[in-house]
């Protein structure tokens, strides 16, 4: 290996780690109950999980890639450790498919062109291309999240391929081949197998090299092959541990589970082989091995190990969790644990649990709005993780709560309970969208910081007044919902109208400042994005408040649009609140015009 190959290796590791992180964050954004339920069906029991692991790994021909995917799913909160262990066992079997294919051709993978296209080295560029195209062409959030996942997977696998390419000269090195075939001590063979898989970053490639050497020399015996194959099953874990760097403890447990299975399986395999099978002459250790024999031994060994551990999946999970303890329960786990199916037996209790979760969403929106607006004054990197964790909670709450409410609605509900269920179903969507706009407000702050964009002193003052009004409408809305106060909810619509008036004024003033050269186009774009988010948040607050009012009204066929038109034209209470908010915010905004 020369300097160029070493630099390629370093670059490959960097791409691999970045792709893992990018894919993980993208999975977190897209993670929801639907994806979780799909994986639950596919891994619903140990045998399903085993078959799923065999099929996926057999298709992509990389147990490391399968394990890395599982790490990403666990890191995103989509899968639990117990679900992944049968899949890991299946992956160990599925990865031996490559050896079976190589028995039909040369070490470069003669055989099915379709299977060749499914290899990470083949589909990585395709995933990057498709992901980038979708990201550039689509403006939809979910489409961009899917594109980000494809891009992350592509970068990750491209990094793996780059590492393999950097180490490629070793595959054709005669001295390298001799080092792995001229030994008699089985422990040396075990160590060399581990080292070979670590260097090549692939158990399939390692077994392929042994097959190639066996075919070329014609004198490789079972005594050489057996310990090396067992060692390869352990050494293949190196890229998996690379992938677990920087992930949650739960994701690291997946890598540790694979290590436990491979290491304990390897130790037991060596003990059984050299203390039972060899002394009893059950296998001829002097037999010369060809490609097919090596492929069969590799497949047979992994099948036996996987079937041996399959009944002990729960025990493996328990041991791993003892070694690497779980992280502190996240907000998602704590809050959504309240939506237990056991409560469905008593619909009123189930609805109360839903109310607690929706209340939690409201307080989370208040917290995220505060963090996002603080970022415009003093950008704090430490708050970003809390912001993102809150957003994950809002996103997952929407899907989980909606699914749970479908089950609640299937129960026999009283009329008042039915009204509450309707209110929750509508409000959960509005709170999730408010959360999205809090993230957009943060994105503007982050963009301004990176691009060194500064709002003019007048614009800062205007945004400060308007953001305070938006903060009050969020708190009023959440308060009316959590405390079940329709009178408080009636304050939301007049405040929303005042916010709309103020937003239009700020837009007009921005145009004048732009024409007079007191404002830049770049800062103007950021300003307009903030105003749009303020308007949308206040509109969603209005929706939530109107549902609170609707539930407490005795009006049959409550029409929100007709109600708002009526109160604006005829309600003295509406006019009173509107005047109060004008005095509190709009008139203060007018005073900034003289600055």
Protein backbone atom coordinates (compact mmCIF):
# COMPACT_ATOMS: atom_id res chain seq x y z
CA UNK A 1 0.00 0.00 0.00
CA UNK A 2 1.30 3.46 -0.94
CA UNK A 3 0.39 6.94 0.33
CA UNK A 4 -2.47 7.33 -2.18
CA UNK A 5 -4.15 4.16 -0.89
CA UNK A 6 -3.73 5.31 2.71
CA UNK A 7 -5.34 8.67 1.88
CA UNK A 8 -8.20 6.85 0.14
CA UNK A 9 -8.64 4.70 3.24
CA UNK A 10 -8.84 7.77 5.50
CA UNK A 11 -11.32 9.41 3.11
CA UNK A 12 -13.40 6.23 3.01
CA UNK A 13 -13.60 6.09 6.80
CA UNK A 14 -14.64 9.76 6.86
CA UNK A 15 -17.39 9.22 4.28
CA UNK A 16 -18.54 6.12 6.12
CA UNK A 17 -18.89 7.95 9.46
CA UNK A 18 -20.53 11.01 7.89
CA UNK A 19 -22.97 8.85 5.92
CA UNK A 20 -23.92 7.00 9.11
CA UNK A 21 -24.59 10.24 10.99
CA UNK A 22 -26.52 11.83 8.09
CA UNK A 23 -28.60 8.70 7.52
CA UNK A 24 -29.38 8.48 11.26
CA UNK A 25 -30.59 12.07 11.52
CA UNK A 26 -32.70 11.61 8.38
CA UNK A 27 -34.27 8.44 9.78
CA UNK A 28 -35.10 10.33 12.97
CA UNK A 29 -36.97 13.00 10.99
CA UNK A 30 -38.95 10.40 9.06
CA UNK A 31 -39.40 7.97 11.96
CA UNK A 32 -42.98 7.37 12.86
CA UNK A 33 -45.45 4.75 13.91
CA UNK A 34 -46.06 3.51 10.34
CA UNK A 35 -42.44 2.62 9.67
CA UNK A 36 -42.15 1.20 13.17
CA UNK A 37 -45.24 -0.96 12.63
CA UNK A 38 -43.90 -2.27 9.30
CA UNK A 39 -40.67 -3.37 10.94
CA UNK A 40 -42.63 -4.85 13.86
CA UNK A 41 -44.55 -7.04 11.40
CA UNK A 42 -41.35 -8.12 9.66
CA UNK A 43 -39.61 -8.87 12.97
CA UNK A 44 -42.70 -9.82 14.99
CA UNK A 45 -41.16 -13.06 16.24
CA UNK A 46 -37.73 -14.65 16.25
CA UNK A 47 -38.27 -16.76 13.13
CA UNK A 48 -39.62 -13.82 11.13
CA UNK A 49 -36.65 -11.72 12.24
CA UNK A 50 -34.22 -14.49 11.29
CA UNK A 51 -35.76 -14.85 7.81
CA UNK A 52 -35.82 -11.07 7.37
CA UNK A 53 -32.10 -10.90 8.18
CA UNK A 54 -31.29 -13.75 5.76
CA UNK A 55 -33.26 -12.20 2.89
CA UNK A 56 -32.00 -8.63 3.31
CA UNK A 57 -28.37 -9.66 3.76
CA UNK A 58 -28.58 -12.23 1.00
CA UNK A 59 -29.76 -9.48 -1.35
CA UNK A 60 -27.22 -6.80 -0.46
CA UNK A 61 -24.48 -9.37 0.30
CA UNK A 62 -23.20 -7.53 3.37
CA UNK A 63 -23.98 -8.43 6.97
CA UNK A 64 -22.16 -5.24 8.01
CA UNK A 65 -24.57 -3.17 5.93
CA UNK A 66 -27.57 -4.93 7.49
CA UNK A 67 -26.21 -4.40 11.00
CA UNK A 68 -25.48 -0.75 10.23
CA UNK A 69 -29.08 -0.30 9.03
CA UNK A 70 -30.29 -1.81 12.31
CA UNK A 71 -28.03 0.55 14.27
CA UNK A 72 -29.60 3.43 12.34
CA UNK A 73 -33.14 2.21 13.07
CA UNK A 74 -32.42 1.75 16.78
CA UNK A 75 -30.67 5.12 16.94
CA UNK A 76 -33.79 6.69 15.40
CA UNK A 77 -36.02 4.96 17.94
CA UNK A 78 -37.80 2.91 15.27
CA UNK A 79 -36.65 -0.53 16.51
CA UNK A 80 -35.83 -2.02 19.89
CA UNK A 81 -32.76 -4.12 20.69
CA UNK A 82 -34.81 -7.30 21.17
CA UNK A 83 -36.16 -6.97 17.60
CA UNK A 84 -32.69 -6.68 16.08
CA UNK A 85 -31.03 -9.80 17.55
CA UNK A 86 -32.91 -12.39 15.38
CA UNK A 87 -32.21 -10.16 12.35
CA UNK A 88 -28.50 -10.15 13.26
CA UNK A 89 -28.55 -13.95 13.42
CA UNK A 90 -30.19 -14.06 10.00
CA UNK A 91 -27.63 -11.60 8.63
CA UNK A 92 -24.83 -13.97 9.62
CA UNK A 93 -26.43 -16.65 7.43
CA UNK A 94 -27.34 -14.29 4.60
CA UNK A 95 -23.78 -13.03 4.22
CA UNK A 96 -22.64 -16.54 3.21
CA UNK A 97 -24.65 -16.28 -0.02
CA UNK A 98 -21.71 -14.48 -1.63
CA UNK A 99 -19.44 -17.47 -1.01
CA UNK A 100 -21.98 -19.76 -2.63
CA UNK A 101 -22.10 -17.47 -5.69
CA UNK A 102 -18.30 -17.28 -5.88
CA UNK A 103 -18.06 -21.07 -6.11
CA UNK A 104 -19.58 -20.62 -9.59
CA UNK A 105 -17.17 -17.97 -10.83
CA UNK A 106 -14.05 -16.05 -9.94
CA UNK A 107 -13.39 -13.95 -6.86
CA UNK A 108 -14.70 -10.78 -8.51
CA UNK A 109 -18.23 -12.08 -8.36
CA UNK A 110 -19.11 -14.01 -11.47
CA UNK A 111 -22.75 -15.01 -11.47
CA UNK A 112 -26.01 -13.15 -11.48
CA UNK A 113 -25.86 -9.59 -12.84
CA UNK A 114 -28.97 -8.76 -10.84
CA UNK A 115 -27.32 -9.86 -7.60
CA UNK A 116 -24.26 -7.88 -8.62
CA UNK A 117 -26.37 -4.73 -8.91
CA UNK A 118 -27.64 -5.27 -5.36
CA UNK A 119 -24.14 -5.10 -3.90
CA UNK A 120 -23.38 -1.89 -1.94
CA UNK A 121 -20.61 -0.96 -4.37
CA UNK A 122 -23.15 -1.01 -7.21
CA UNK A 123 -26.16 0.67 -5.68
CA UNK A 124 -24.31 3.32 -3.60
CA UNK A 125 -23.86 5.74 -6.57
CA UNK A 126 -27.45 5.08 -7.65
CA UNK A 127 -28.80 5.94 -4.18
CA UNK A 128 -26.72 9.12 -4.05
CA UNK A 129 -27.96 10.15 -7.50
CA UNK A 130 -31.63 9.44 -6.77
CA UNK A 131 -31.44 11.10 -3.34
CA UNK A 132 -29.77 14.23 -4.69
CA UNK A 133 -32.27 14.46 -7.59
CA UNK A 134 -35.29 14.22 -5.27
CA UNK A 135 -33.76 16.74 -2.87
CA UNK A 136 -33.17 19.25 -5.66
CA UNK A 137 -36.52 18.78 -7.39
CA UNK A 138 -38.98 18.32 -4.50
CA UNK A 139 -40.05 20.85 -1.90
CA UNK A 140 -42.15 18.40 0.13
CA UNK A 141 -40.82 17.63 3.62
CA UNK A 142 -41.38 13.88 3.55
CA UNK A 143 -39.90 13.53 0.06
CA UNK A 144 -36.80 15.41 1.21
CA UNK A 145 -36.54 13.22 4.31
CA UNK A 146 -36.66 10.09 2.14
CA UNK A 147 -34.08 11.65 -0.19
CA UNK A 148 -31.83 12.39 2.80
CA UNK A 149 -32.02 8.74 3.89
CA UNK A 150 -31.09 7.54 0.39
CA UNK A 151 -28.25 10.04 0.27
CA UNK A 152 -27.02 8.96 3.72
CA UNK A 153 -27.14 5.27 2.78
CA UNK A 154 -25.37 6.02 -0.49
CA UNK A 155 -22.57 8.01 1.20
CA UNK A 156 -22.21 5.31 3.86
CA UNK A 157 -21.90 2.50 1.33
CA UNK A 158 -19.68 4.62 -0.92
CA UNK A 159 -17.39 5.06 2.08
CA UNK A 160 -17.34 1.28 2.59
CA UNK A 161 -16.49 0.78 -1.09
CA UNK A 162 -13.75 3.43 -0.92
CA UNK A 163 -12.19 1.63 2.06
CA UNK A 164 -12.32 -1.70 0.22
CA UNK A 165 -10.75 -0.13 -2.89
CA UNK A 166 -7.96 1.41 -0.83
CA UNK A 167 -7.15 -2.05 0.56
CA UNK A 168 -7.52 -3.77 -2.82
CA UNK A 169 -3.74 -4.14 -3.50
CA UNK A 170 -3.57 -6.59 -0.57
CA UNK A 171 -5.91 -8.97 -2.40
CA UNK A 172 -3.34 -9.61 -5.15
CA UNK A 173 -0.27 -9.64 -2.87
CA UNK A 174 1.45 -13.05 -2.91
CA UNK A 175 3.12 -12.41 0.44
CA UNK A 176 -0.27 -11.43 1.86
CA UNK A 177 -1.76 -14.73 0.65
CA UNK A 178 1.17 -16.77 1.99
CA UNK A 179 0.86 -15.13 5.41
CA UNK A 180 -2.66 -16.49 5.70
CA UNK A 181 -1.97 -20.03 4.57
CA UNK A 182 1.41 -21.11 6.04
CA UNK A 183 0.54 -21.95 9.64
CA UNK A 184 -0.31 -25.01 11.74
CA UNK A 185 -1.55 -23.47 15.01
CA UNK A 186 -5.37 -23.01 14.88
CA UNK A 187 -5.17 -19.95 17.16
CA UNK A 188 -2.96 -18.28 14.56
CA UNK A 189 -5.57 -19.15 11.94
CA UNK A 190 -8.30 -17.64 14.13
CA UNK A 191 -6.29 -14.42 14.60
CA UNK A 192 -5.46 -14.21 10.89
CA UNK A 193 -9.14 -14.65 9.98
CA UNK A 194 -10.09 -11.80 12.33
CA UNK A 195 -7.32 -9.60 10.88
CA UNK A 196 -8.25 -10.43 7.27
CA UNK A 197 -11.91 -9.49 7.76
CA UNK A 198 -10.94 -6.28 9.59
CA UNK A 199 -8.54 -5.23 6.82
CA UNK A 200 -10.95 -6.00 3.99
CA UNK A 201 -14.00 -4.60 5.87
CA UNK A 202 -16.05 -7.54 4.59
CA UNK A 203 -16.49 -11.18 5.61
CA UNK A 204 -17.67 -11.96 2.08
CA UNK A 205 -14.48 -10.52 0.57
CA UNK A 206 -12.35 -12.36 3.15
CA UNK A 207 -13.99 -15.72 2.41
CA UNK A 208 -13.71 -14.90 -1.30
CA UNK A 209 -9.96 -14.42 -1.01
CA UNK A 210 -9.58 -17.75 0.76
CA UNK A 211 -11.63 -19.37 -2.02
CA UNK A 212 -9.42 -17.71 -4.63
CA UNK A 213 -6.21 -18.85 -2.92
CA UNK A 214 -7.62 -22.38 -2.57
CA UNK A 215 -8.48 -22.45 -6.27
CA UNK A 216 -5.06 -21.05 -7.25
CA UNK A 217 -2.89 -23.28 -5.05
CA UNK A 218 -4.96 -26.42 -4.74
CA UNK A 219 -3.37 -27.29 -1.38
CA UNK A 220 -5.47 -25.45 1.25
CA UNK A 221 -6.71 -27.93 3.87
CA UNK A 222 -9.57 -27.93 6.36
CA UNK A 223 -6.99 -27.33 9.12
CA UNK A 224 -6.29 -23.91 7.57
CA UNK A 225 -9.85 -23.06 6.53
CA UNK A 226 -11.81 -23.90 9.71
CA UNK A 227 -10.15 -21.49 12.18
CA UNK A 228 -9.92 -18.73 9.57
CA UNK A 229 -13.62 -18.91 8.74
CA UNK A 230 -14.44 -18.71 12.45
CA UNK A 231 -12.06 -15.75 12.81
CA UNK A 232 -13.61 -14.00 9.81
CA UNK A 233 -17.04 -14.18 11.48
CA UNK A 234 -15.57 -12.14 14.35
CA UNK A 235 -13.39 -9.71 12.36
CA UNK A 236 -16.28 -8.55 10.16
CA UNK A 237 -17.51 -6.43 13.10
CA UNK A 238 -14.96 -3.63 12.60
CA UNK A 239 -17.15 -1.49 10.27
CA UNK A 240 -20.11 -2.13 12.58
CA UNK A 241 -18.26 -0.61 15.51
CA UNK A 242 -17.23 2.30 13.31
CA UNK A 243 -20.92 2.86 12.57
CA UNK A 244 -21.82 2.88 16.27
CA UNK A 245 -19.48 5.79 17.03
CA UNK A 246 -21.47 8.79 18.21
CA UNK A 247 -24.81 6.94 18.36
CA UNK A 248 -27.08 6.44 21.35
CA UNK A 249 -26.32 3.71 23.85
CA UNK A 250 -29.25 1.67 22.50
CA UNK A 251 -27.69 1.70 19.02
CA UNK A 252 -24.29 0.74 20.46
CA UNK A 253 -26.02 -2.22 22.08
CA UNK A 254 -26.76 -3.58 18.59
CA UNK A 255 -23.04 -3.60 17.75
CA UNK A 256 -22.29 -5.19 21.13
CA UNK A 257 -24.94 -7.87 20.49
CA UNK A 258 -23.30 -8.79 17.20
CA UNK A 259 -19.92 -8.93 18.96
CA UNK A 260 -21.38 -11.16 21.68
CA UNK A 261 -22.92 -13.54 19.11
CA UNK A 262 -19.79 -13.70 16.95
CA UNK A 263 -17.26 -13.89 19.81
CA UNK A 264 -19.14 -16.45 21.93
CA UNK A 265 -20.05 -18.38 18.78
CA UNK A 266 -16.41 -18.36 17.71
CA UNK A 267 -15.15 -19.55 21.10
CA UNK A 268 -17.75 -22.34 21.27
CA UNK A 269 -17.03 -23.26 17.65
CA UNK A 270 -13.29 -23.60 18.32
CA UNK A 271 -13.91 -25.65 21.49
CA UNK A 272 -16.36 -28.02 19.80
CA UNK A 273 -14.14 -28.35 16.72
CA UNK A 274 -10.85 -29.08 18.48
CA UNK A 275 -12.08 -30.87 21.61
CA UNK A 276 -14.92 -32.98 20.18
CA UNK A 277 -14.98 -33.14 16.38
CA UNK A 278 -11.22 -33.48 15.72
CA UNK A 279 -10.52 -36.06 18.49
CA UNK A 280 -13.46 -38.15 17.29
CA UNK A 281 -12.26 -37.85 13.65
CA UNK A 282 -15.67 -36.57 12.56
CA UNK A 283 -13.96 -34.28 10.03
CA UNK A 284 -10.84 -34.95 8.00
CA UNK A 285 -8.69 -31.89 8.82
CA UNK A 286 -6.18 -32.88 6.12
CA UNK A 287 -8.79 -32.81 3.34
CA UNK A 288 -7.96 -30.37 0.53
CA UNK A 289 -10.65 -27.70 0.18
CA UNK A 290 -12.03 -26.19 -3.01
CA UNK A 291 -14.28 -23.15 -3.40
CA UNK A 292 -17.46 -25.13 -2.89
CA UNK A 293 -16.18 -26.88 0.24
CA UNK A 294 -15.17 -23.53 1.76
CA UNK A 295 -18.55 -21.97 0.90
CA UNK A 296 -20.39 -24.94 2.45
CA UNK A 297 -18.32 -24.86 5.64
CA UNK A 298 -18.86 -21.10 5.96
CA UNK A 299 -22.63 -21.43 5.44
CA UNK A 300 -22.95 -24.48 7.70
CA UNK A 301 -20.98 -22.88 10.54
CA UNK A 302 -23.09 -19.70 10.48
CA UNK A 303 -26.38 -21.62 10.29
CA UNK A 304 -25.42 -23.73 13.32
CA UNK A 305 -24.31 -20.68 15.35
CA UNK A 306 -27.44 -18.69 14.44
CA UNK A 307 -29.84 -21.55 15.26
CA UNK A 308 -27.97 -22.17 18.52
CA UNK A 309 -28.46 -18.57 19.67
CA UNK A 310 -32.01 -18.13 18.33
CA UNK A 311 -33.80 -19.43 21.49
CA UNK A 312 -31.59 -17.18 23.65
CA UNK A 313 -32.37 -13.79 22.06
CA UNK A 314 -33.95 -12.38 25.23
CA UNK A 315 -30.98 -13.53 27.32
CA UNK A 316 -28.52 -11.94 24.88
CA UNK A 317 -30.42 -8.65 25.09
CA UNK A 318 -30.36 -8.83 28.90
CA UNK A 319 -26.60 -9.51 28.99
CA UNK A 320 -25.85 -6.70 26.54
CA UNK A 321 -28.00 -4.22 28.48
CA UNK A 322 -26.14 -5.19 31.65
CA UNK A 323 -22.81 -4.45 29.96
CA UNK A 324 -23.98 -1.30 28.17
CA UNK A 325 -26.84 0.20 30.15
CA UNK A 326 -29.69 2.03 28.41
CA UNK A 327 -29.69 5.79 28.09
CA UNK A 328 -31.92 7.85 30.32
CA UNK A 329 -35.49 7.45 28.98
CA UNK A 330 -36.15 10.07 26.32
CA UNK A 331 -39.09 12.41 26.27
CA UNK A 332 -40.57 10.32 23.47
CA UNK A 333 -40.40 7.11 25.53
CA UNK A 334 -41.73 8.73 28.70
CA UNK A 335 -44.65 10.60 27.14
CA UNK A 336 -45.80 8.02 24.60
CA UNK A 337 -45.59 5.19 27.13
CA UNK A 338 -48.87 6.61 28.45
CA UNK A 339 -50.65 5.38 25.31
CA UNK A 340 -50.81 1.77 26.45
CA UNK A 341 -53.37 -0.54 24.80
CA UNK A 342 -54.44 -1.71 28.25
CA UNK A 343 -56.27 1.62 28.72
CA UNK A 344 -58.51 0.90 25.71
CA UNK A 345 -60.60 -1.33 27.95
CA UNK A 346 -61.75 1.90 29.63
CA UNK A 347 -62.20 4.53 26.86
CA UNK A 348 -62.51 7.44 29.31
CA UNK A 349 -59.10 6.58 30.78
CA UNK A 350 -57.60 6.12 27.29
CA UNK A 351 -58.90 9.57 26.31
CA UNK A 352 -57.38 11.06 29.44
CA UNK A 353 -54.03 9.55 28.47
CA UNK A 354 -54.38 11.10 25.02
CA UNK A 355 -55.17 14.44 26.62
CA UNK A 356 -51.93 14.20 28.65
CA UNK A 357 -49.90 13.57 25.49
CA UNK A 358 -51.56 16.44 23.60
CA UNK A 359 -50.89 18.70 26.58
CA UNK A 360 -47.26 17.59 26.44
CA UNK A 361 -47.16 18.53 22.76
CA UNK A 362 -48.47 22.01 23.63
CA UNK A 363 -45.85 22.66 26.30
CA UNK A 364 -43.17 21.33 23.92
CA UNK A 365 -44.23 23.84 21.26
CA UNK A 366 -43.93 26.64 23.85
CA UNK A 367 -40.42 25.44 24.73
CA UNK A 368 -39.29 25.08 21.11
CA UNK A 369 -40.68 28.49 20.17
CA UNK A 370 -38.71 30.05 23.02
CA UNK A 371 -35.50 28.26 21.98
CA UNK A 372 -35.95 29.22 18.31
CA UNK A 373 -36.51 32.91 19.07
CA UNK A 374 -33.62 33.02 21.55
CA UNK A 375 -31.39 31.77 18.72
CA UNK A 376 -32.03 35.05 16.86
CA UNK A 377 -30.54 36.98 19.76
CA UNK A 378 -27.86 34.61 21.05
CA UNK A 379 -27.15 31.47 19.02
CA UNK A 380 -26.58 28.61 21.47
CA UNK A 381 -25.35 25.29 20.05
CA UNK A 382 -26.16 23.50 23.33
CA UNK A 383 -29.88 24.18 22.83
CA UNK A 384 -29.96 22.65 19.33
CA UNK A 385 -30.10 19.05 20.57
CA UNK A 386 -33.03 19.86 22.88
CA UNK A 387 -34.78 21.60 19.97
CA UNK A 388 -34.32 18.54 17.74
CA UNK A 389 -35.35 16.12 20.50
CA UNK A 390 -38.54 18.12 21.03
CA UNK A 391 -39.23 18.11 17.30
CA UNK A 392 -38.79 14.32 17.17
CA UNK A 393 -41.27 14.06 20.03
CA UNK A 394 -43.83 16.22 18.17
CA UNK A 395 -43.42 14.25 14.94
CA UNK A 396 -43.70 10.85 16.58
CA UNK A 397 -46.56 11.97 18.84
CA UNK A 398 -48.60 12.87 15.76
CA UNK A 399 -48.34 9.39 14.20
CA UNK A 400 -48.60 7.42 17.47
CA UNK A 401 -51.48 9.51 18.83
CA UNK A 402 -53.39 9.33 15.55
CA UNK A 403 -53.07 5.53 15.47
CA UNK A 404 -54.08 5.26 19.11
CA UNK A 405 -57.09 7.53 18.56
CA UNK A 406 -58.30 5.24 15.76
CA UNK A 407 -58.47 2.45 18.36
CA UNK A 408 -60.15 4.74 20.89
CA UNK A 409 -62.79 5.80 18.35
CA UNK A 410 -63.55 2.14 17.70
CA UNK A 411 -64.75 1.89 21.32
CA UNK A 412 -68.18 2.91 22.51
CA UNK A 413 -67.81 6.62 23.36
CA UNK A 414 -70.33 8.93 24.99
CA UNK A 415 -71.21 12.14 23.05
CA UNK A 416 -68.95 14.28 25.27
CA UNK A 417 -66.11 11.78 24.84
CA UNK A 418 -66.63 11.81 21.09
CA UNK A 419 -66.27 15.63 21.11
CA UNK A 420 -63.04 15.36 23.10
CA UNK A 421 -61.70 12.73 20.68
CA UNK A 422 -62.46 15.04 17.73
CA UNK A 423 -60.69 17.93 19.47
CA UNK A 424 -57.59 15.82 20.13
CA UNK A 425 -57.43 14.50 16.55
CA UNK A 426 -57.54 18.02 15.11
CA UNK A 427 -55.20 19.57 17.68
CA UNK A 428 -52.43 17.00 17.32
CA UNK A 429 -51.95 17.97 13.68
CA UNK A 430 -51.92 21.69 14.48
CA UNK A 431 -49.32 21.30 17.25
CA UNK A 432 -47.08 19.22 14.99
CA UNK A 433 -47.24 21.93 12.32
CA UNK A 434 -46.50 24.63 14.89
CA UNK A 435 -43.41 22.60 15.79
CA UNK A 436 -42.35 22.55 12.12
CA UNK A 437 -42.52 26.35 11.99
CA UNK A 438 -40.48 26.62 15.19
CA UNK A 439 -37.79 24.63 13.38
CA UNK A 440 -38.09 26.98 10.39
CA UNK A 441 -37.56 29.97 12.70
CA UNK A 442 -34.44 28.25 14.04
CA UNK A 443 -33.29 27.54 10.47
CA UNK A 444 -33.53 31.26 9.68
CA UNK A 445 -31.40 32.09 12.75
CA UNK A 446 -28.83 29.46 11.75
CA UNK A 447 -28.75 30.71 8.15
CA UNK A 448 -28.35 34.32 9.25
CA UNK A 449 -25.49 33.34 11.52
CA UNK A 450 -23.71 31.38 8.79
CA UNK A 451 -24.27 34.03 6.12
CA UNK A 452 -23.50 36.89 8.58
CA UNK A 453 -26.88 38.50 7.91
CA UNK A 454 -27.99 41.17 10.36
CA UNK A 455 -31.47 42.68 10.62
CA UNK A 456 -31.58 46.47 10.84
CA UNK A 457 -32.26 47.90 14.34
CA UNK A 458 -35.84 48.81 13.33
CA UNK A 459 -36.48 45.34 11.88
CA UNK A 460 -35.12 43.75 15.08
CA UNK A 461 -37.47 45.86 17.18
CA UNK A 462 -40.44 45.05 14.96
CA UNK A 463 -39.72 41.31 15.06
CA UNK A 464 -39.26 41.45 18.83
CA UNK A 465 -42.72 42.98 19.33
CA UNK A 466 -44.39 40.58 16.91
CA UNK A 467 -42.58 37.52 18.30
CA UNK A 468 -43.77 38.48 21.80
CA UNK A 469 -47.35 38.55 20.51
CA UNK A 470 -46.90 35.14 18.88
CA UNK A 471 -45.43 33.79 22.11
CA UNK A 472 -48.54 34.99 23.97
CA UNK A 473 -50.95 33.42 21.48
CA UNK A 474 -49.16 30.06 21.81
CA UNK A 475 -49.28 30.20 25.62
CA UNK A 476 -52.94 31.30 25.59
CA UNK A 477 -53.84 28.46 23.23
CA UNK A 478 -51.99 25.82 25.20
CA UNK A 479 -53.43 27.16 28.45
CA UNK A 480 -57.00 27.03 27.13
CA UNK A 481 -56.45 23.41 26.05
CA UNK A 482 -54.58 22.08 29.09
CA UNK A 483 -56.85 23.83 31.63
CA UNK A 484 -59.95 23.29 29.48
CA UNK A 485 -60.96 26.99 29.55
CA UNK A 486 -63.16 28.06 26.62
CA UNK A 487 -63.15 31.67 27.88
CA UNK A 488 -59.38 31.76 27.52
CA UNK A 489 -59.71 30.21 24.05
CA UNK A 490 -61.87 33.19 23.02
CA UNK A 491 -58.83 35.48 23.37
CA UNK A 492 -56.96 33.66 20.62
CA UNK A 493 -58.88 34.82 17.53
CA UNK A 494 -58.63 38.58 18.28
CA UNK A 495 -54.90 38.21 19.00
CA UNK A 496 -54.45 36.28 15.77
CA UNK A 497 -56.08 39.12 13.82
CA UNK A 498 -53.80 41.68 15.49
CA UNK A 499 -50.76 39.53 14.62
CA UNK A 500 -51.93 39.42 10.99
CA UNK A 501 -52.29 43.23 10.90
CA UNK A 502 -48.83 43.71 12.45
CA UNK A 503 -47.26 41.24 10.02
CA UNK A 504 -48.69 43.09 7.02
CA UNK A 505 -47.39 46.40 8.39
CA UNK A 506 -43.89 45.00 8.83
CA UNK A 507 -43.95 43.67 5.27
CA UNK A 508 -44.91 47.09 3.91
CA UNK A 509 -42.21 48.83 5.96
CA UNK A 510 -39.65 46.31 4.75
CA UNK A 511 -40.47 47.18 1.13
CA UNK A 512 -39.92 50.89 1.88
CA UNK A 513 -36.61 50.18 3.63
CA UNK A 514 -35.53 48.02 0.71
CA UNK A 515 -36.35 50.81 -1.77
CA UNK A 516 -34.46 53.38 0.30
CA UNK A 517 -31.42 51.13 0.72
CA UNK A 518 -31.77 50.69 4.49
CA UNK A 519 -32.30 46.92 4.15
CA UNK A 520 -30.62 44.21 2.07
CA UNK A 521 -32.40 41.65 -0.08
CA UNK A 522 -30.82 38.77 1.91
CA UNK A 523 -32.03 40.06 5.27
CA UNK A 524 -35.42 40.78 3.69
CA UNK A 525 -35.82 37.14 2.65
CA UNK A 526 -35.09 36.00 6.21
CA UNK A 527 -37.52 38.59 7.57
CA UNK A 528 -40.33 37.40 5.30
CA UNK A 529 -39.69 33.76 6.27
CA UNK A 530 -40.06 34.71 9.94
CA UNK A 531 -43.28 36.61 9.25
CA UNK A 532 -44.72 33.63 7.35
CA UNK A 533 -43.96 31.29 10.25
CA UNK A 534 -45.50 33.74 12.74
CA UNK A 535 -48.68 33.91 10.66
CA UNK A 536 -48.93 30.14 10.25
CA UNK A 537 -48.33 29.48 13.96
CA UNK A 538 -51.08 31.96 14.92
CA UNK A 539 -53.44 30.31 12.39
CA UNK A 540 -52.84 26.87 13.92
CA UNK A 541 -53.39 28.36 17.39
CA UNK A 542 -56.73 29.65 16.15
CA UNK A 543 -57.68 26.14 14.99
CA UNK A 544 -56.91 24.61 18.38
CA UNK A 545 -58.77 27.33 20.27
CA UNK A 546 -61.84 27.01 18.05
CA UNK A 547 -61.98 23.27 18.73
CA UNK A 548 -61.92 23.98 22.47
CA UNK A 549 -64.79 26.44 21.99
CA UNK A 550 -66.68 23.98 19.77
CA UNK A 551 -66.52 21.21 22.37
CA UNK A 552 -68.06 23.46 25.03
CA UNK A 553 -70.73 24.92 22.75
CA UNK A 554 -74.21 23.54 22.35
CA UNK A 555 -74.39 24.50 18.69
CA UNK A 556 -75.32 21.63 16.38
CA UNK A 557 -73.14 21.46 13.28
CA UNK A 558 -70.65 24.02 14.60
CA UNK A 559 -69.16 25.94 11.64
CA UNK A 560 -65.84 27.54 12.53
CA UNK A 561 -65.83 30.00 9.61
CA UNK A 562 -69.37 31.14 10.36
CA UNK A 563 -68.51 31.43 14.06
CA UNK A 564 -65.44 33.61 13.44
CA UNK A 565 -67.36 35.85 10.99
CA UNK A 566 -70.13 36.27 13.54
CA UNK A 567 -67.92 37.18 16.51
CA UNK A 568 -65.93 39.68 14.45
CA UNK A 569 -69.14 41.43 13.40
CA UNK A 570 -71.26 41.14 16.54
CA UNK A 571 -69.27 40.11 19.63
CA UNK A 572 -68.45 42.88 22.11
CA UNK A 573 -66.12 40.46 23.87
CA UNK A 574 -64.12 39.96 20.67
CA UNK A 575 -63.88 43.74 20.13
CA UNK A 576 -62.75 44.25 23.71
CA UNK A 577 -59.91 41.70 23.42
CA UNK A 578 -58.97 43.04 19.99
CA UNK A 579 -58.61 46.56 21.40
CA UNK A 580 -56.54 45.30 24.33
CA UNK A 581 -54.11 43.52 22.04
CA UNK A 582 -53.92 46.50 19.69
CA UNK A 583 -52.91 48.68 22.63
CA UNK A 584 -50.44 46.09 23.88
CA UNK A 585 -48.72 45.26 20.61
CA UNK A 586 -49.90 47.12 17.49
CA UNK A 587 -49.59 50.63 18.93
CA UNK A 588 -46.14 49.79 20.27
CA UNK A 589 -45.24 48.62 16.76
CA UNK A 590 -46.47 51.95 15.33
CA UNK A 591 -44.14 53.80 17.70
CA UNK A 592 -41.12 52.10 16.09
CA UNK A 593 -41.94 53.83 12.79
CA UNK A 594 -40.48 57.06 14.17
CA UNK A 595 -37.15 55.38 15.05
